[in-house]
Amino acid sequence: MALSEKSRNAIYRTLTPITGEEAVAEMLSFFPSRDDDMPATRADLELTRAELRTGLAELRTEISDLRTELRTEISDLRAELHTEIAGLRTELHTEISGLRAELHTEIAGLRTEIAEVRTDLQRSVNRLLVWLVATIIATAGVAVGAAAQLTA
């Protein structure tokens, strides 16, 4: 227990004439003036240990709760991610199917155009062939006529 201010003054006034100011001040420095300045006792240490144990137990509980929350959050995030990926896959398959349909339509259009070009080319070749045959026949007729005149 700490000495009261009244007791400290009484001791100081009584002992100063006997031992001197410095000795009395030094002696009083070993007696605390407040309860907070008292040396720790075993009971204080046991109380502090008990408080630390309680605090550590509470901290462990909080850490355990945080782990549980984190696991739940991670699980929820995984579920959201799987749902999002499944949605993206569906969208991707839909887009690919649309692109395939467009590609088949374009290929069919190209085949039609190629068939038209082939038909036009065949007509042109046939006209040229008719013209060539007519030219050959005309040339042969001129040659036969010229040969007949030469022999006559």
Protein backbone atom coordinates (compact mmCIF):
# COMPACT_ATOMS: atom_id res chain seq x y z
CA MET A 1 0.00 0.00 0.00
CA ALA A 2 1.22 3.52 -0.81
CA LEU A 3 2.06 6.16 1.80
CA SER A 4 -0.35 9.08 1.94
CA GLU A 5 0.98 12.59 1.40
CA LYS A 6 0.30 13.41 5.05
CA SER A 7 2.39 10.43 6.23
CA ARG A 8 5.19 11.27 3.80
CA ASN A 9 5.32 14.87 5.13
CA ALA A 10 5.35 13.69 8.76
CA ILE A 11 8.24 11.28 8.11
CA TYR A 12 10.12 13.96 6.17
CA ARG A 13 9.75 16.60 8.93
CA THR A 14 10.64 14.16 11.68
CA LEU A 15 13.70 12.50 10.09
CA THR A 16 15.23 15.45 8.20
CA PRO A 17 16.79 17.03 11.29
CA ILE A 18 18.20 13.62 12.29
CA THR A 19 19.57 12.22 9.00
CA GLY A 20 19.42 15.12 6.56
CA GLU A 21 17.29 15.91 3.54
CA GLU A 22 19.13 13.69 1.08
CA ALA A 23 18.90 10.55 3.22
CA VAL A 24 15.19 11.06 3.93
CA ALA A 25 14.43 11.70 0.22
CA GLU A 26 16.33 8.56 -0.70
CA MET A 27 14.49 6.48 1.92
CA LEU A 28 11.08 7.81 0.83
CA SER A 29 11.87 6.95 -2.78
CA PHE A 30 11.56 3.27 -1.78
CA PHE A 31 7.95 3.82 -0.65
CA PRO A 32 5.49 4.48 -3.46
CA SER A 33 3.34 7.60 -3.31
CA ARG A 34 0.52 6.01 -5.40
CA ASP A 35 -0.98 2.53 -5.63
CA ASP A 36 0.19 2.34 -9.25
CA ASP A 37 3.79 2.60 -8.07
CA MET A 38 3.50 -0.55 -5.94
CA PRO A 39 5.65 -3.53 -6.94
CA ALA A 40 3.80 -6.39 -8.59
CA THR A 41 2.79 -9.26 -6.34
CA ARG A 42 2.22 -12.92 -7.15
CA ALA A 43 -1.51 -12.23 -7.08
CA ASP A 44 -1.02 -9.42 -9.63
CA LEU A 45 0.98 -11.76 -11.86
CA GLU A 46 -1.65 -14.51 -11.57
CA LEU A 47 -4.38 -12.02 -12.43
CA THR A 48 -2.38 -10.82 -15.42
CA ARG A 49 -1.79 -14.43 -16.54
CA ALA A 50 -5.51 -15.19 -16.23
CA GLU A 51 -6.34 -12.07 -18.25
CA LEU A 52 -3.79 -13.08 -20.90
CA ARG A 53 -5.23 -16.61 -21.07
CA THR A 54 -8.72 -15.18 -21.48
CA GLY A 55 -7.49 -12.77 -24.13
CA LEU A 56 -5.69 -15.54 -26.00
CA ALA A 57 -8.78 -17.76 -25.85
CA GLU A 58 -10.87 -14.91 -27.27
CA LEU A 59 -8.25 -14.29 -29.94
CA ARG A 60 -8.23 -17.99 -30.89
CA THR A 61 -12.02 -17.93 -31.14
CA GLU A 62 -11.88 -14.83 -33.35
CA ILE A 63 -9.23 -16.43 -35.57
CA SER A 64 -11.33 -19.58 -35.85
CA ASP A 65 -14.38 -17.47 -36.77
CA LEU A 66 -12.31 -15.62 -39.38
CA ARG A 67 -11.12 -18.92 -40.86
CA THR A 68 -14.71 -20.10 -41.10
CA GLU A 69 -15.78 -16.82 -42.73
CA LEU A 70 -12.87 -16.98 -45.18
CA ARG A 71 -13.66 -20.58 -46.11
CA THR A 72 -17.30 -19.63 -46.66
CA GLU A 73 -16.31 -16.61 -48.76
CA ILE A 74 -13.88 -18.68 -50.83
CA SER A 75 -16.52 -21.35 -51.35
CA ASP A 76 -19.06 -18.71 -52.41
CA LEU A 77 -16.55 -17.15 -54.79
CA ARG A 78 -15.77 -20.53 -56.32
CA ALA A 79 -19.48 -21.20 -56.84
CA GLU A 80 -19.92 -17.76 -58.46
CA LEU A 81 -16.88 -18.37 -60.65
CA HIS A 82 -18.18 -21.76 -61.78
CA THR A 83 -21.57 -20.22 -62.58
CA GLU A 84 -19.92 -17.38 -64.49
CA ILE A 85 -17.71 -19.79 -66.45
CA ALA A 86 -20.71 -21.98 -67.29
CA GLY A 87 -22.54 -18.88 -68.58
CA LEU A 88 -19.55 -17.87 -70.66
CA ARG A 89 -19.30 -21.37 -72.11
CA THR A 90 -22.96 -21.27 -73.08
CA GLU A 91 -22.50 -17.86 -74.72
CA LEU A 92 -19.41 -19.09 -76.54
CA HIS A 93 -21.20 -22.20 -77.86
CA THR A 94 -24.09 -20.01 -79.03
CA GLU A 95 -21.71 -17.64 -80.81
CA ILE A 96 -19.83 -20.52 -82.43
CA SER A 97 -23.10 -22.07 -83.63
CA GLY A 98 -24.13 -18.71 -85.09
CA LEU A 99 -20.79 -18.33 -86.84
CA ARG A 100 -21.05 -21.85 -88.25
CA ALA A 101 -24.50 -21.11 -89.64
CA GLU A 102 -23.23 -17.88 -91.21
CA LEU A 103 -20.23 -19.72 -92.66
CA HIS A 104 -22.45 -22.42 -94.19
CA THR A 105 -24.66 -19.73 -95.71
CA GLU A 106 -21.63 -17.94 -97.15
CA ILE A 107 -20.22 -21.21 -98.53
CA ALA A 108 -23.57 -22.03 -100.16
CA GLY A 109 -23.61 -18.54 -101.72
CA LEU A 110 -20.06 -19.01 -103.02
CA ARG A 111 -20.97 -22.39 -104.51
CA THR A 112 -23.92 -20.80 -106.31
CA GLU A 113 -21.72 -18.01 -107.66
CA ILE A 114 -19.07 -20.54 -108.79
CA ALA A 115 -21.77 -22.56 -110.59
CA GLU A 116 -22.99 -19.38 -112.33
CA VAL A 117 -19.43 -18.47 -113.37
CA ARG A 118 -18.91 -22.02 -114.64
CA THR A 119 -22.13 -21.83 -116.67
CA ASP A 120 -21.17 -18.44 -118.13
CA LEU A 121 -17.70 -19.75 -118.96
CA GLN A 122 -19.18 -22.86 -120.63
CA ARG A 123 -21.48 -20.66 -122.78
CA SER A 124 -18.54 -18.46 -123.77
CA VAL A 125 -16.41 -21.51 -124.66
CA ASN A 126 -19.29 -22.97 -126.69
CA ARG A 127 -19.78 -19.67 -128.62
CA LEU A 128 -16.06 -19.50 -129.32
CA LEU A 129 -16.07 -23.11 -130.44
CA VAL A 130 -18.99 -22.45 -132.82
CA TRP A 131 -17.23 -19.39 -134.18
CA LEU A 132 -13.98 -21.36 -134.58
CA VAL A 133 -15.73 -24.23 -136.40
CA ALA A 134 -17.56 -21.73 -138.64
CA THR A 135 -14.27 -20.00 -139.40
CA ILE A 136 -12.58 -23.33 -140.22
CA ILE A 137 -15.50 -24.34 -142.50
CA ALA A 138 -15.43 -20.96 -144.22
CA THR A 139 -11.69 -21.17 -144.67
CA ALA A 140 -12.02 -24.70 -146.05
CA GLY A 141 -14.75 -23.51 -148.47
CA VAL A 142 -12.51 -20.71 -149.68
CA ALA A 143 -9.64 -23.16 -150.08
CA VAL A 144 -11.84 -25.65 -152.00
CA GLY A 145 -13.16 -22.85 -154.22
CA ALA A 146 -9.66 -21.62 -154.90
CA ALA A 147 -8.49 -25.13 -155.69
CA ALA A 148 -11.43 -25.64 -158.06
CA GLN A 149 -10.65 -22.50 -159.92
CA LEU A 150 -7.08 -23.46 -160.28
CA THR A 151 -7.97 -26.81 -161.76
CA ALA A 152 -10.53 -25.42 -164.16
